């Protein structure tokens, strides 16, 4: 328990932290180390760094990579950088939260959905047929809308005049939804690309470290073998002397 609560210093901010809150400098990625050394040339690979400073330098590195490849960063790029450094999940359903939709927007979506269905077409044809039948056959003496059905034409014109802007409002809502989905897909794809690059760099770093350790082990084995040969040779010489 004492080892967990042991206080150690971050070599960047010089503040004291618990050992569990610090990261070994030796396991920091070389690309991030290059960014750190530009500001802190005395960076020591045997020291430790706190999470806040490490996240800050990771953010600078990712920002530098994106600026090099894309130039000026957009708000979406900054959101991805923030998500990467804070280890947040960025994937979500962009159309799940509908609480910010106004009553008019929700109403226009429902009207456009109903107006583009077979139910509306069938009901509309039944109403027209009933209207014509009443004014042409039932009320022959005194129809309220005789042929050529001027009142019906006026009502149809009003419906068409109102339906057009309602459909346009619904289309604007759909365009907004599509734009939100496209922005969300872009952020997810960009984060996935950066994460894959991060994994490649980490694998390269691990492979390099493993190769270095293997070479050191091989050198030790060679030294041990040479030492064993020398001891055997010395033992043979002593036996021959005797």
Foldseek 3Di string as FASTA:
>chain_A
DCLQQDWDAAPPPRDIDGPVQKDQLLLQFPLLVVQVCVVVVPDDNRGIHGLVVSLVSQLVSQVVVCCVVPNDDDPLSVVLSVCVSVVHDLDDQLPPDPPPPDPLLVVLLVVLVVCPDVVVVVVVVVVVVVLCCCQPPVPPPDRPQHPVRPVVVVVVVVCVVVNVVSNVSNVVVVVVSVVSVVSSVVSVVVSVVVVVVVVVSSVVVVVVVVVVVVVVVVVVVVVVVVVVVVVVVVVVVVVVVD
